[in-house]
Protein backbone atom coordinates (compact mmCIF):
# COMPACT_ATOMS: atom_id res chain seq x y z
CA MET A 1 -5.67 -33.98 28.10
CA THR A 2 -3.59 -34.85 25.06
CA THR A 3 0.00 -33.75 25.02
CA ARG A 4 2.01 -33.25 21.89
CA ALA A 5 5.61 -34.09 21.39
CA THR A 6 7.66 -31.13 20.33
CA LYS A 7 8.69 -31.15 16.72
CA THR A 8 12.38 -31.27 16.04
CA ARG A 9 14.12 -30.50 12.83
CA THR A 10 16.38 -33.17 11.49
CA ALA A 11 19.06 -32.82 8.89
CA PRO A 12 18.21 -34.30 5.52
CA VAL A 13 19.45 -37.82 4.98
CA PRO A 14 22.64 -37.59 2.93
CA THR A 15 22.36 -39.01 -0.56
CA GLU A 16 25.08 -40.75 -2.49
CA ASP A 17 25.85 -37.47 -4.29
CA ASP A 18 26.16 -35.65 -0.93
CA ALA A 19 28.70 -38.18 0.31
CA GLU A 20 31.06 -37.23 -2.53
CA ASP A 21 30.94 -33.55 -1.41
CA GLY A 22 31.16 -34.30 2.29
CA GLY A 23 27.50 -33.32 2.79
CA VAL A 24 28.08 -29.72 1.64
CA LEU A 25 25.14 -28.15 -0.16
CA ARG A 26 26.04 -26.92 -3.62
CA LEU A 27 23.72 -24.49 -5.36
CA THR A 28 24.01 -23.66 -9.01
CA THR A 29 22.76 -20.48 -10.57
CA SER A 30 21.18 -20.02 -13.92
CA SER A 31 19.36 -17.26 -15.63
CA ALA A 32 15.76 -18.34 -15.61
CA PRO A 33 13.62 -17.28 -18.53
CA PRO A 34 11.45 -14.28 -17.71
CA VAL A 35 8.07 -15.26 -16.36
CA GLU A 36 5.05 -13.27 -17.48
CA GLU A 37 3.27 -12.25 -14.29
CA ALA A 38 -0.30 -11.03 -14.02
CA ARG A 39 -0.31 -7.30 -13.31
CA GLU A 40 -2.96 -4.71 -12.65
CA PRO A 41 -3.02 -0.90 -12.51
CA ILE A 42 -2.40 0.76 -9.16
CA PHE A 43 -2.41 4.43 -10.23
CA TYR A 44 -2.11 6.71 -13.22
CA ILE A 45 -0.12 9.87 -13.77
CA ASN A 46 -2.11 11.71 -16.38
CA ASP A 47 -2.83 8.86 -18.81
CA GLU A 48 0.29 6.84 -17.96
CA GLU A 49 -0.58 3.56 -16.25
CA PHE A 50 1.54 2.17 -13.40
CA THR A 51 1.00 -1.52 -12.67
CA VAL A 52 1.85 -3.97 -9.92
CA PRO A 53 1.78 -7.78 -9.69
CA LYS A 54 -1.57 -9.27 -8.72
CA LEU A 55 0.36 -11.41 -6.24
CA ILE A 56 3.58 -10.30 -4.55
CA SER A 57 6.22 -13.01 -4.64
CA PRO A 58 8.00 -14.27 -1.52
CA ARG A 59 11.26 -13.02 -3.09
CA ILE A 60 10.01 -9.42 -3.04
CA VAL A 61 8.78 -9.82 0.54
CA TYR A 62 12.09 -11.21 1.84
CA LEU A 63 14.26 -8.68 0.00
CA SER A 64 12.12 -5.73 1.09
CA ILE A 65 11.88 -6.73 4.74
CA ASP A 66 15.64 -7.25 4.86
CA LYS A 67 16.17 -3.77 3.36
CA MET A 68 13.84 -2.27 5.97
CA ARG A 69 15.67 -4.11 8.74
CA ARG A 70 19.12 -3.01 7.59
CA GLU A 71 18.46 0.54 6.35
CA GLY A 72 15.21 1.69 7.90
CA ALA A 73 11.60 2.18 6.88
CA LEU A 74 12.14 5.05 4.42
CA PHE A 75 14.76 3.24 2.32
CA GLY A 76 12.78 0.03 2.65
CA SER A 77 9.58 1.64 1.38
CA MET A 78 11.38 3.03 -1.67
CA TYR A 79 12.88 -0.40 -2.32
CA VAL A 80 9.41 -1.94 -2.06
CA ALA A 81 8.21 0.56 -4.68
CA GLU A 82 11.08 -0.33 -7.01
CA LEU A 83 10.56 -4.08 -6.70
CA VAL A 84 6.77 -3.96 -6.97
CA LEU A 85 6.59 -1.46 -9.84
CA GLY A 86 9.63 -2.83 -11.65
CA LYS A 87 12.71 -0.82 -12.55
CA ALA A 88 11.29 0.98 -15.61
CA GLN A 89 8.08 2.17 -13.92
CA TYR A 90 9.97 3.12 -10.74
CA VAL A 91 12.40 5.26 -12.75
CA ARG A 92 9.47 6.82 -14.59
CA LEU A 93 7.74 7.67 -11.28
CA LEU A 94 10.95 9.34 -10.04
CA GLU A 95 11.23 11.27 -13.31
CA HIS A 96 7.71 12.63 -12.84
CA TYR A 97 8.70 13.71 -9.33
CA GLU A 98 12.06 15.23 -10.35
CA GLU A 99 10.46 17.12 -13.24
CA GLU A 100 7.81 18.42 -10.82
CA ASN A 101 5.01 16.87 -12.85
CA ILE A 102 3.64 15.62 -9.52
CA THR A 103 3.72 17.27 -6.12
CA GLN A 104 5.37 15.95 -2.98
CA GLU A 105 1.93 14.99 -1.67
CA GLN A 106 1.11 13.07 -4.86
CA PHE A 107 4.47 11.27 -4.78
CA ASP A 108 3.98 10.37 -1.10
CA GLN A 109 0.48 9.12 -1.86
CA ALA A 110 1.80 6.86 -4.67
CA ILE A 111 4.51 5.39 -2.40
CA LYS A 112 2.00 4.91 0.42
CA THR A 113 -0.42 3.13 -1.95
CA ILE A 114 2.35 0.75 -3.06
CA ASN A 115 3.46 0.07 0.52
CA ASN A 116 -0.12 -0.57 1.68
CA LEU A 117 -0.41 -3.10 -1.12
CA PHE A 118 2.87 -4.72 -0.06
CA PHE A 119 1.69 -5.17 3.53
CA ASP A 120 -1.67 -6.64 2.46
CA GLN A 121 -1.29 -10.32 3.41
CA GLU A 122 -3.92 -11.43 0.88
CA ARG A 123 -1.80 -10.06 -1.99
CA ARG A 124 1.20 -12.21 -1.19
CA ALA A 125 1.97 -15.28 -3.23
CA SER A 126 2.56 -18.36 -1.16
CA ASN A 127 4.81 -21.37 -1.43
CA GLN A 128 1.88 -23.47 -0.18
CA PRO A 129 -0.28 -25.53 -2.54
CA GLU A 130 -3.13 -23.38 -3.84
CA GLU A 131 -5.87 -25.18 -1.90
CA ASP A 132 -4.03 -24.54 1.40
CA ALA A 133 -2.93 -20.97 0.67
CA GLY A 134 -4.14 -18.51 3.25
CA LYS A 135 -5.54 -21.15 5.59
CA ALA A 136 -4.52 -21.06 9.21
CA SER A 137 -4.12 -24.21 11.23
CA ASP A 138 -7.04 -24.77 13.57
CA GLY A 139 -4.89 -26.81 15.94
CA SER A 140 -7.22 -29.82 15.75
CA ALA A 141 -4.74 -32.14 14.06
CA SER A 142 -3.33 -34.73 16.42
CA ALA A 143 0.26 -35.85 16.45
């Protein structure tokens, strides 16, 4: 029987630049140019199309799960809808609801459709290289 050594995490080796800052990580922010993401329709209200990303980014996943953890499932599901639809479409959906263009049942169905999409693992973008995305380890690799 082969035994495996447990993996331990080690701190990154300090670089010359790190030594000047005492090893403290410094992050800089910048406004990244908008990235055109592939989107597809998820539902229509009359002839108005509402679209979602073909792949849901890890950023949306992390932010939404944190919102659900801190504020509960209802607030989290509305936050998911806002992030996945985008601000303009989310506001438009709420306007349809407030103006009673759609019923409570129709609004609930739209939110449920968005949330089902969010929890679909195959729709999530990965930080893994494309050829490895979605693959599970079979445990056959030896250490």
